[in-house]
Every structure is written in C-alpha cells, then in structure tokens.
Amino acid sequence: MARIVVMVALSLLLGASPPPLMHFTCTPAAGPIEIDGKADDAAWKAVTPITEFRLWRSFQKPTEATSVRLCYDDDFLYALFECADPDIFVLHSQRDDRLWESDVVELFFQPDEKNPIYYEFEIAPNNAVFDARMVNTGSGGFLRWAAWDCGIRTATDVRGTPNHWQDRDQGYTIEIAIPLGAFHEVIGDQPLKGQTWKFAAVRADLSVTLKAEERSATANVADYDIHNKSGYSKLTFK
C-alpha cells in the first residue's frame, strides 16, 4: 500500500505520461493570402486545421478551442490561429516585449535537428509581435536574441473587448506571414517541399473563467519548458 501511495505521489509530481509525438503536414497555398486577420481567403479554406492542442504537463484538452492552419508559397510561411476566448487579456504592446505573460499564440521551428538554431514567433491579440532567432536553449535569455527582426507580417481580428473582464468575449484570429528568408541561414535556397522540421504551435490563455492559466501546445511539454525541443512535433512540407 505504501508503495502505491509513493507511486501516485511521484506521478502527480512529475506529471502525466506524454502521449506519442505528432506529425503534421504543410501544403502549398492554394491561392493568394491577404494578411488582414481574417480567415476568409480561399487558400485557408483548403487547409485542414490543426486542433490537437495539449495542456502542458497534463496533456489534457484545454478548456477553450484553438486551431492553427499552415501553408506556404515561394516567399512566405503562413499561419492562421483561431482562438475561442471569453476573456481576452493583453498586458504588453511593444515589439519584443514579454508577450507570454498574457494571452498569446506562439510558433517554434527548428528546421534542422543537426543545427542548434531555432526560431520563436509570438503574436498577441493586440497584434504585438515578438520574434527571435535562438542559437540554443542555453545560449542566453530572450533579450539576447529578440533584437533579430525577420520582417514578419501579422494582423489580428478581435471579437470582444480586451481587458474588460466583466463582459464575455468571443475570441480572436491571428494571421501571420513569415518570410522564408528568415530561415535562410539554416536551409539556404532549398525548396521547402520535402523538408521536415521540428515544430510547435502554442497558446497561452489567461482568463477569469479559468481556475488557473492554461498553456497548450501541439508538442509534449512535460516540464513547463517550451524550449525543450525533444517534445516538439514534426512538420513535413508537401
């Protein structure tokens, strides 16, 4: 009996066992995409949304729905997040600020597992942007790498009144275009087709409707360290 109690305690301390890592595909855009924060481009309708977001540590389904769509063309890697949110909350509005301290969506890419360089992109509902080129997890904090600017283009559509917790919001959409040149130092001039990257899409949800903040991802985040790339899913470009 004592052994069972100890095992249960260790399980609670260490978190749940992680599920298998996921593998997604990214297809060419079926048409032009206007970065306006809307999901109405025909190209987006042709992309299957990724909805398999898991809470950090517990790997359970988050309270509010999140989806992300990905596609690309000769110039950009595109993403479209759609987030249900009854209480939209934003703290920061400056470029490369600590956006992860309130509602935000994030993308992480490591194009080559043999190369330590990886990339982080964050966009808040108020269209504040954080972009960083990291050399590796132990190479310094975000202030060292956030000075990098890749020319990312973003737009948001907010359905509600941010920071007014007394009412109920509907959610927000975030549209992103990352220039492929941002990844040039790792992938060079290689076409995206056929490449497989390590990848994580992330959402931070802080709401008066939740007992505790929820951070979810398409990766397995077992230790609250999203920079631990061993839990990232894979993304293959078709």
Protein backbone atom coordinates (compact mmCIF):
# COMPACT_ATOMS: atom_id res chain seq x y z
CA MET A 1 0.00 0.00 0.00
CA ALA A 2 2.81 2.40 0.88
CA ARG A 3 4.44 1.69 -2.48
CA ILE A 4 1.23 2.57 -4.32
CA VAL A 5 0.94 5.84 -2.43
CA VAL A 6 4.54 6.72 -3.31
CA MET A 7 3.96 5.90 -6.99
CA VAL A 8 0.82 8.04 -7.12
CA ALA A 9 2.65 10.92 -5.43
CA LEU A 10 5.52 10.67 -7.92
CA SER A 11 3.05 10.60 -10.81
CA LEU A 12 1.40 13.79 -9.58
CA LEU A 13 4.77 15.42 -9.04
CA LEU A 14 6.21 14.53 -12.42
CA GLY A 15 3.05 14.99 -14.44
CA ALA A 16 1.22 12.58 -16.75
CA SER A 17 2.97 10.26 -19.16
CA PRO A 18 3.39 12.05 -22.51
CA PRO A 19 1.42 10.76 -25.49
CA PRO A 20 3.15 9.93 -28.82
CA LEU A 21 4.62 12.89 -30.68
CA MET A 22 2.50 14.18 -33.54
CA HIS A 23 3.44 14.64 -37.19
CA PHE A 24 1.75 17.28 -39.33
CA THR A 25 1.96 18.35 -42.98
CA CYS A 26 2.19 21.80 -44.54
CA THR A 27 0.93 22.17 -48.10
CA PRO A 28 1.42 24.90 -50.72
CA ALA A 29 -1.08 27.75 -50.57
CA ALA A 30 -3.97 27.19 -52.96
CA GLY A 31 -4.13 30.90 -53.78
CA PRO A 32 -3.14 34.37 -52.59
CA ILE A 33 -3.37 35.25 -48.90
CA GLU A 34 -4.06 38.78 -47.68
CA ILE A 35 -2.69 39.39 -44.19
CA ASP A 36 -5.71 41.13 -42.70
CA GLY A 37 -6.56 38.96 -39.69
CA LYS A 38 -9.47 37.30 -41.49
CA ALA A 39 -9.96 33.62 -42.25
CA ASP A 40 -11.90 34.26 -45.45
CA ASP A 41 -9.19 33.68 -48.09
CA ALA A 42 -9.96 30.69 -50.30
CA ALA A 43 -6.44 29.41 -49.59
CA TRP A 44 -7.28 28.96 -45.90
CA LYS A 45 -10.43 27.02 -46.65
CA ALA A 46 -8.28 24.44 -48.45
CA VAL A 47 -6.07 23.85 -45.38
CA THR A 48 -7.02 21.32 -42.72
CA PRO A 49 -6.78 22.96 -39.28
CA ILE A 50 -4.55 21.52 -36.57
CA THR A 51 -6.67 21.22 -33.44
CA GLU A 52 -4.64 18.77 -31.32
CA PHE A 53 -3.52 21.20 -28.64
CA ARG A 54 -2.49 19.60 -25.33
CA LEU A 55 -2.10 21.25 -21.95
CA TRP A 56 1.45 21.43 -20.66
CA ARG A 57 2.32 18.62 -18.22
CA SER A 58 -1.14 17.04 -18.01
CA PHE A 59 -1.54 16.67 -21.82
CA GLN A 60 -5.30 17.07 -21.38
CA LYS A 61 -7.57 19.00 -23.71
CA PRO A 62 -7.61 22.75 -22.95
CA THR A 63 -10.83 24.47 -21.92
CA GLU A 64 -11.09 26.78 -24.93
CA ALA A 65 -10.72 25.64 -28.54
CA THR A 66 -7.62 26.57 -30.52
CA SER A 67 -6.71 25.78 -34.11
CA VAL A 68 -3.87 26.69 -36.43
CA ARG A 69 -3.58 26.32 -40.20
CA LEU A 70 -0.25 26.32 -42.03
CA CYS A 71 0.66 26.70 -45.70
CA TYR A 72 3.43 28.26 -47.80
CA ASP A 73 4.37 29.71 -51.16
CA ASP A 74 7.63 30.81 -52.77
CA ASP A 75 8.03 33.75 -50.40
CA PHE A 76 6.27 33.10 -47.09
CA LEU A 77 5.33 30.52 -44.50
CA TYR A 78 1.76 31.36 -43.42
CA ALA A 79 -0.15 30.59 -40.23
CA LEU A 80 -3.72 31.29 -39.16
CA PHE A 81 -4.70 30.88 -35.50
CA GLU A 82 -8.33 30.86 -34.40
CA CYS A 83 -8.87 31.05 -30.64
CA ALA A 84 -12.09 30.92 -28.67
CA ASP A 85 -11.71 33.17 -25.63
CA PRO A 86 -14.40 34.59 -23.30
CA ASP A 87 -11.91 36.94 -21.59
CA ILE A 88 -9.24 38.41 -23.88
CA PHE A 89 -6.36 39.78 -21.83
CA VAL A 90 -3.24 41.62 -23.05
CA LEU A 91 -0.52 43.26 -20.97
CA HIS A 92 2.09 44.40 -23.49
CA SER A 93 2.03 46.33 -26.76
CA GLN A 94 5.71 46.93 -27.55
CA ARG A 95 7.77 44.94 -30.05
CA ASP A 96 9.66 42.01 -28.48
CA ASP A 97 8.11 42.53 -25.05
CA ARG A 98 7.19 39.70 -22.66
CA LEU A 99 4.07 38.74 -24.57
CA TRP A 100 3.88 35.31 -22.93
CA GLU A 101 2.70 36.98 -19.70
CA SER A 102 -0.85 37.32 -21.11
CA ASP A 103 -2.91 35.90 -23.97
CA VAL A 104 -0.70 35.00 -26.91
CA VAL A 105 -0.10 32.46 -29.66
CA GLU A 106 3.37 31.18 -30.49
CA LEU A 107 5.21 29.26 -33.20
CA PHE A 108 8.53 27.45 -32.80
CA PHE A 109 10.53 25.99 -35.69
CA GLN A 110 13.81 24.08 -35.78
CA PRO A 111 14.46 23.46 -39.50
CA ASP A 112 17.43 21.15 -38.98
CA GLU A 113 17.87 18.93 -35.93
CA LYS A 114 21.64 18.91 -36.51
CA ASN A 115 21.74 22.72 -36.34
CA PRO A 116 21.05 24.27 -32.90
CA ILE A 117 19.42 27.39 -34.37
CA TYR A 118 15.66 27.60 -33.87
CA TYR A 119 13.07 30.34 -34.23
CA GLU A 120 10.32 31.70 -32.00
CA PHE A 121 7.39 33.88 -33.09
CA GLU A 122 4.71 35.26 -30.76
CA ILE A 123 1.70 37.42 -31.57
CA ALA A 124 -0.78 38.83 -29.05
CA PRO A 125 -4.44 39.68 -29.78
CA ASN A 126 -3.48 43.38 -29.97
CA ASN A 127 -1.03 42.49 -32.78
CA ALA A 128 2.08 42.99 -30.66
CA VAL A 129 4.92 40.84 -32.05
CA PHE A 130 7.88 39.00 -30.57
CA ASP A 131 10.30 37.29 -32.95
CA ALA A 132 13.62 35.75 -32.02
CA ARG A 133 16.36 33.64 -33.56
CA MET A 134 17.78 31.38 -30.86
CA VAL A 135 21.13 29.61 -31.10
CA ASN A 136 20.24 27.07 -28.42
CA THR A 137 18.40 26.95 -25.14
CA GLY A 138 21.47 27.63 -23.02
CA SER A 139 22.90 30.49 -25.08
CA GLY A 140 21.25 33.34 -23.19
CA GLY A 141 17.86 34.76 -22.35
CA PHE A 142 15.33 36.26 -24.71
CA LEU A 143 16.84 39.75 -24.51
CA ARG A 144 19.95 38.48 -26.29
CA TRP A 145 18.09 37.06 -29.28
CA ALA A 146 14.95 39.21 -29.57
CA ALA A 147 16.80 42.00 -31.39
CA TRP A 148 16.56 39.85 -34.53
CA ASP A 149 13.79 41.05 -36.87
CA CYS A 150 12.71 38.88 -39.78
CA GLY A 151 10.19 41.20 -41.42
CA ILE A 152 7.22 39.17 -40.20
CA ARG A 153 3.76 40.42 -41.22
CA THR A 154 0.79 39.94 -38.89
CA ALA A 155 -2.81 41.04 -38.43
CA THR A 156 -5.49 40.25 -35.85
CA ASP A 157 -9.25 40.25 -35.63
CA VAL A 158 -10.57 40.55 -32.07
CA ARG A 159 -14.16 39.68 -31.30
CA GLY A 160 -14.66 41.29 -27.92
CA THR A 161 -13.27 43.98 -25.63
CA PRO A 162 -9.77 43.13 -24.39
CA ASN A 163 -9.08 43.69 -20.68
CA HIS A 164 -12.76 44.14 -19.79
CA TRP A 165 -13.26 41.05 -17.68
CA GLN A 166 -16.83 41.96 -16.69
CA ASP A 167 -18.21 41.10 -20.15
CA ARG A 168 -17.82 37.96 -22.26
CA ASP A 169 -15.73 37.98 -25.43
CA GLN A 170 -15.90 35.51 -28.31
CA GLY A 171 -12.28 35.15 -29.31
CA TYR A 172 -9.70 36.27 -31.83
CA THR A 173 -7.99 35.36 -35.09
CA ILE A 174 -4.30 35.93 -35.81
CA GLU A 175 -2.83 35.77 -39.32
CA ILE A 176 0.91 35.50 -39.90
CA ALA A 177 3.31 35.62 -42.85
CA ILE A 178 6.95 34.75 -42.11
CA PRO A 179 9.41 35.48 -44.94
CA LEU A 180 11.24 32.32 -45.98
CA GLY A 181 14.41 34.39 -45.89
CA ALA A 182 14.13 34.24 -42.09
CA PHE A 183 15.30 30.62 -42.26
CA HIS A 184 17.93 31.13 -44.97
CA GLU A 185 20.96 30.63 -42.73
CA VAL A 186 19.76 27.12 -41.90
CA ILE A 187 18.04 25.90 -45.07
CA GLY A 188 19.77 28.07 -47.66
CA ASP A 189 17.97 28.12 -51.01
CA GLN A 190 16.47 24.66 -50.65
CA PRO A 191 12.77 24.46 -51.55
CA LEU A 192 10.52 23.71 -48.61
CA LYS A 193 8.94 20.76 -50.38
CA GLY A 194 10.24 17.53 -48.88
CA GLN A 195 11.76 19.10 -45.77
CA THR A 196 10.75 18.01 -42.26
CA TRP A 197 11.20 20.44 -39.36
CA LYS A 198 10.68 20.25 -35.63
CA PHE A 199 7.65 22.36 -34.81
CA ALA A 200 5.41 23.55 -32.00
CA ALA A 201 2.32 25.76 -32.02
CA VAL A 202 1.47 27.18 -28.61
CA ARG A 203 -1.30 29.14 -26.93
CA ALA A 204 -1.32 30.89 -23.56
CA ASP A 205 -4.81 31.51 -22.19
CA LEU A 206 -5.29 33.63 -19.05
CA SER A 207 -8.93 34.20 -18.20
CA VAL A 208 -11.25 34.99 -15.32
CA THR A 209 -13.24 31.95 -16.44
CA LEU A 210 -10.33 29.61 -15.63
CA LYS A 211 -9.16 28.44 -12.21
CA ALA A 212 -5.55 28.65 -13.45
CA GLU A 213 -3.85 29.85 -16.61
CA GLU A 214 -3.76 27.29 -19.40
CA ARG A 215 -0.81 26.82 -21.72
CA SER A 216 -1.28 24.32 -24.50
CA ALA A 217 0.74 23.16 -27.49
CA THR A 218 0.91 20.75 -30.39
CA ALA A 219 4.07 19.48 -28.66
CA ASN A 220 4.59 17.46 -25.50
CA VAL A 221 5.61 19.98 -22.85
CA ALA A 222 6.31 17.82 -19.81
CA ASP A 223 8.31 20.25 -17.68
CA TYR A 224 6.91 23.72 -18.49
CA ASP A 225 9.91 24.35 -20.75
CA ILE A 226 8.65 25.01 -24.26
CA HIS A 227 12.27 25.40 -25.34
CA ASN A 228 12.86 21.71 -24.71
CA LYS A 229 12.67 20.63 -28.33
CA SER A 230 12.62 16.90 -27.56
CA GLY A 231 8.84 17.21 -27.23
CA TYR A 232 8.25 19.08 -30.49
CA SER A 233 6.11 17.54 -33.18
CA LYS A 234 7.28 17.22 -36.79
CA LEU A 235 6.15 19.28 -39.76
CA THR A 236 6.67 17.95 -43.29
CA PHE A 237 6.31 20.25 -46.28
CA LYS A 238 4.42 18.63 -49.14
